[in-house]
Amino acid sequence: MKIVMVLMLVAVLGALASAGVFMLRRGRDGEKRNNHMARALAVRVGLSVAVFLFVLLSWYMGWVKPTGLPTGQ
């Protein structure tokens, strides 16, 4: 389960990077560039919500357990 969460977080970062590339890319058609950037950001938001809901579901089902911070004792 932890691997799935890490892969989803990597996908979120990939969508953010692609939005940055679309934002910085120069082209003749500014409208097309803005549509690609907006779509990439929408995918990032959707993936972020999915990661959050997956973490909550995993915790509820007992697949992952919160361990807290190590205290060194």
N, C-alpha and C. Protein backbone atom coordinates (compact mmCIF):
# COMPACT_ATOMS: atom_id res chain seq x y z
N MET A 1 0.81 -1.20 0.00
CA MET A 1 0.00 0.00 0.00
C MET A 1 0.86 1.26 0.00
N LYS A 2 1.96 1.19 0.73
CA LYS A 2 2.82 2.37 0.79
C LYS A 2 3.42 2.68 -0.57
N ILE A 3 3.70 1.64 -1.34
CA ILE A 3 4.25 1.85 -2.68
C ILE A 3 3.24 2.55 -3.57
N VAL A 4 1.97 2.17 -3.44
CA VAL A 4 0.91 2.82 -4.23
C VAL A 4 0.83 4.30 -3.87
N MET A 5 0.92 4.61 -2.59
CA MET A 5 0.86 6.01 -2.16
C MET A 5 2.04 6.81 -2.70
N VAL A 6 3.22 6.21 -2.66
CA VAL A 6 4.40 6.90 -3.18
C VAL A 6 4.28 7.12 -4.68
N LEU A 7 3.79 6.12 -5.41
CA LEU A 7 3.60 6.28 -6.85
C LEU A 7 2.59 7.36 -7.18
N MET A 8 1.53 7.45 -6.38
CA MET A 8 0.54 8.49 -6.61
C MET A 8 1.12 9.87 -6.33
N LEU A 9 1.95 9.98 -5.31
CA LEU A 9 2.60 11.26 -5.02
C LEU A 9 3.57 11.65 -6.14
N VAL A 10 4.26 10.67 -6.70
CA VAL A 10 5.14 10.93 -7.84
C VAL A 10 4.32 11.41 -9.04
N ALA A 11 3.14 10.82 -9.24
CA ALA A 11 2.26 11.26 -10.32
C ALA A 11 1.80 12.70 -10.10
N VAL A 12 1.54 13.08 -8.86
CA VAL A 12 1.17 14.46 -8.53
C VAL A 12 2.32 15.41 -8.91
N LEU A 13 3.53 15.03 -8.55
CA LEU A 13 4.68 15.86 -8.89
C LEU A 13 4.89 15.93 -10.41
N GLY A 14 4.64 14.84 -11.09
CA GLY A 14 4.74 14.84 -12.56
C GLY A 14 3.72 15.78 -13.20
N ALA A 15 2.50 15.78 -12.69
CA ALA A 15 1.48 16.69 -13.22
C ALA A 15 1.85 18.14 -12.93
N LEU A 16 2.42 18.39 -11.77
CA LEU A 16 2.86 19.75 -11.44
C LEU A 16 4.00 20.18 -12.36
N ALA A 17 4.93 19.28 -12.63
CA ALA A 17 6.04 19.60 -13.52
C ALA A 17 5.54 19.86 -14.95
N SER A 18 4.60 19.06 -15.41
CA SER A 18 4.09 19.29 -16.76
C SER A 18 3.35 20.61 -16.86
N ALA A 19 2.65 21.01 -15.81
CA ALA A 19 2.00 22.33 -15.82
C ALA A 19 3.05 23.43 -15.88
N GLY A 20 4.16 23.24 -15.19
CA GLY A 20 5.23 24.22 -15.24
C GLY A 20 5.84 24.31 -16.62
N VAL A 21 6.01 23.17 -17.28
CA VAL A 21 6.55 23.17 -18.64
C VAL A 21 5.60 23.90 -19.58
N PHE A 22 4.30 23.63 -19.48
CA PHE A 22 3.34 24.31 -20.34
C PHE A 22 3.31 25.81 -20.06
N MET A 23 3.53 26.19 -18.81
CA MET A 23 3.52 27.61 -18.46
C MET A 23 4.74 28.31 -19.07
N LEU A 24 5.89 27.65 -19.06
CA LEU A 24 7.12 28.28 -19.53
C LEU A 24 7.34 28.16 -21.04
N ARG A 25 6.66 27.25 -21.68
CA ARG A 25 6.85 27.02 -23.12
C ARG A 25 6.29 28.21 -23.91
N ARG A 26 7.07 28.64 -24.86
CA ARG A 26 6.61 29.71 -25.75
C ARG A 26 5.97 29.10 -26.98
N GLY A 27 4.93 29.72 -27.43
CA GLY A 27 4.26 29.23 -28.63
C GLY A 27 3.38 30.32 -29.21
N ARG A 28 2.95 30.08 -30.43
CA ARG A 28 2.10 31.09 -31.07
C ARG A 28 0.70 31.08 -30.49
N ASP A 29 0.23 29.92 -30.09
CA ASP A 29 -1.15 29.80 -29.64
C ASP A 29 -1.20 29.82 -28.10
N GLY A 30 -1.39 30.99 -27.52
CA GLY A 30 -1.43 31.12 -26.07
C GLY A 30 -2.63 30.44 -25.45
N GLU A 31 -3.75 30.41 -26.17
CA GLU A 31 -4.96 29.77 -25.65
C GLU A 31 -4.75 28.27 -25.47
N LYS A 32 -4.11 27.63 -26.43
CA LYS A 32 -3.86 26.20 -26.34
C LYS A 32 -2.93 25.89 -25.17
N ARG A 33 -1.91 26.74 -24.99
CA ARG A 33 -0.96 26.55 -23.88
C ARG A 33 -1.69 26.68 -22.54
N ASN A 34 -2.58 27.66 -22.43
CA ASN A 34 -3.32 27.84 -21.18
C ASN A 34 -4.24 26.66 -20.91
N ASN A 35 -4.84 26.10 -21.95
CA ASN A 35 -5.72 24.94 -21.76
C ASN A 35 -4.93 23.73 -21.27
N HIS A 36 -3.75 23.52 -21.83
CA HIS A 36 -2.92 22.39 -21.39
C HIS A 36 -2.48 22.59 -19.94
N MET A 37 -2.09 23.81 -19.61
CA MET A 37 -1.64 24.08 -18.25
C MET A 37 -2.79 23.89 -17.25
N ALA A 38 -3.98 24.39 -17.59
CA ALA A 38 -5.13 24.25 -16.70
C ALA A 38 -5.50 22.78 -16.53
N ARG A 39 -5.42 22.00 -17.60
CA ARG A 39 -5.74 20.58 -17.52
C ARG A 39 -4.73 19.86 -16.62
N ALA A 40 -3.45 20.19 -16.77
CA ALA A 40 -2.42 19.56 -15.95
C ALA A 40 -2.62 19.90 -14.47
N LEU A 41 -2.98 21.13 -14.18
CA LEU A 41 -3.23 21.52 -12.78
C LEU A 41 -4.48 20.85 -12.23
N ALA A 42 -5.50 20.68 -13.08
CA ALA A 42 -6.71 19.98 -12.64
C ALA A 42 -6.40 18.51 -12.34
N VAL A 43 -5.55 17.90 -13.15
CA VAL A 43 -5.14 16.51 -12.89
C VAL A 43 -4.39 16.44 -11.57
N ARG A 44 -3.52 17.43 -11.30
CA ARG A 44 -2.77 17.44 -10.06
C ARG A 44 -3.70 17.53 -8.86
N VAL A 45 -4.70 18.39 -8.93
CA VAL A 45 -5.65 18.52 -7.83
C VAL A 45 -6.44 17.23 -7.64
N GLY A 46 -6.88 16.63 -8.74
CA GLY A 46 -7.61 15.37 -8.65
C GLY A 46 -6.78 14.25 -8.04
N LEU A 47 -5.52 14.17 -8.46
CA LEU A 47 -4.63 13.15 -7.89
C LEU A 47 -4.36 13.41 -6.41
N SER A 48 -4.22 14.67 -6.03
CA SER A 48 -3.98 14.99 -4.62
C SER A 48 -5.16 14.59 -3.75
N VAL A 49 -6.36 14.85 -4.23
CA VAL A 49 -7.56 14.45 -3.49
C VAL A 49 -7.64 12.92 -3.42
N ALA A 50 -7.30 12.25 -4.52
CA ALA A 50 -7.32 10.79 -4.52
C ALA A 50 -6.30 10.22 -3.54
N VAL A 51 -5.11 10.81 -3.46
CA VAL A 51 -4.10 10.35 -2.50
C VAL A 51 -4.62 10.52 -1.07
N PHE A 52 -5.21 11.67 -0.79
CA PHE A 52 -5.73 11.93 0.55
C PHE A 52 -6.81 10.91 0.92
N LEU A 53 -7.75 10.68 0.01
CA LEU A 53 -8.81 9.72 0.28
C LEU A 53 -8.27 8.29 0.41
N PHE A 54 -7.25 7.95 -0.39
CA PHE A 54 -6.65 6.63 -0.29
C PHE A 54 -5.94 6.44 1.04
N VAL A 55 -5.27 7.48 1.53
CA VAL A 55 -4.61 7.39 2.84
C VAL A 55 -5.66 7.20 3.94
N LEU A 56 -6.76 7.94 3.87
CA LEU A 56 -7.82 7.77 4.87
C LEU A 56 -8.42 6.37 4.81
N LEU A 57 -8.67 5.86 3.60
CA LEU A 57 -9.21 4.52 3.46
C LEU A 57 -8.22 3.47 3.99
N SER A 58 -6.95 3.65 3.68
CA SER A 58 -5.93 2.70 4.15
C SER A 58 -5.85 2.69 5.66
N TRP A 59 -5.93 3.85 6.27
CA TRP A 59 -5.90 3.93 7.73
C TRP A 59 -7.14 3.27 8.33
N TYR A 60 -8.31 3.53 7.74
CA TYR A 60 -9.56 2.96 8.23
C TYR A 60 -9.57 1.44 8.12
N MET A 61 -9.04 0.92 7.00
CA MET A 61 -9.03 -0.52 6.79
C MET A 61 -7.89 -1.22 7.54
N GLY A 62 -6.97 -0.46 8.12
CA GLY A 62 -5.88 -1.04 8.87
C GLY A 62 -4.68 -1.44 8.03
N TRP A 63 -4.63 -0.99 6.78
CA TRP A 63 -3.52 -1.33 5.91
C TRP A 63 -2.25 -0.59 6.31
N VAL A 64 -2.41 0.64 6.81
CA VAL A 64 -1.28 1.42 7.32
C VAL A 64 -1.64 1.86 8.74
N LYS A 65 -0.62 1.99 9.56
CA LYS A 65 -0.87 2.40 10.94
C LYS A 65 0.00 3.60 11.26
N PRO A 66 -0.57 4.59 11.95
CA PRO A 66 0.26 5.72 12.35
C PRO A 66 1.20 5.30 13.47
N THR A 67 2.46 5.65 13.33
CA THR A 67 3.44 5.26 14.34
C THR A 67 3.95 6.44 15.14
N GLY A 68 3.69 7.64 14.70
CA GLY A 68 4.16 8.83 15.42
C GLY A 68 5.65 9.04 15.20
N LEU A 69 6.17 10.02 15.86
CA LEU A 69 7.59 10.32 15.75
C LEU A 69 8.37 9.48 16.76
N PRO A 70 9.54 9.00 16.36
CA PRO A 70 10.35 8.24 17.33
C PRO A 70 10.89 9.16 18.41
N THR A 71 10.83 8.70 19.66
CA THR A 71 11.25 9.53 20.77
C THR A 71 12.68 9.24 21.19
N GLY A 72 13.29 8.19 20.69
CA GLY A 72 14.66 7.85 21.03
C GLY A 72 14.83 7.12 22.34
N GLN A 73 13.78 6.59 22.89
CA GLN A 73 13.86 5.87 24.17
C GLN A 73 14.03 4.40 23.95
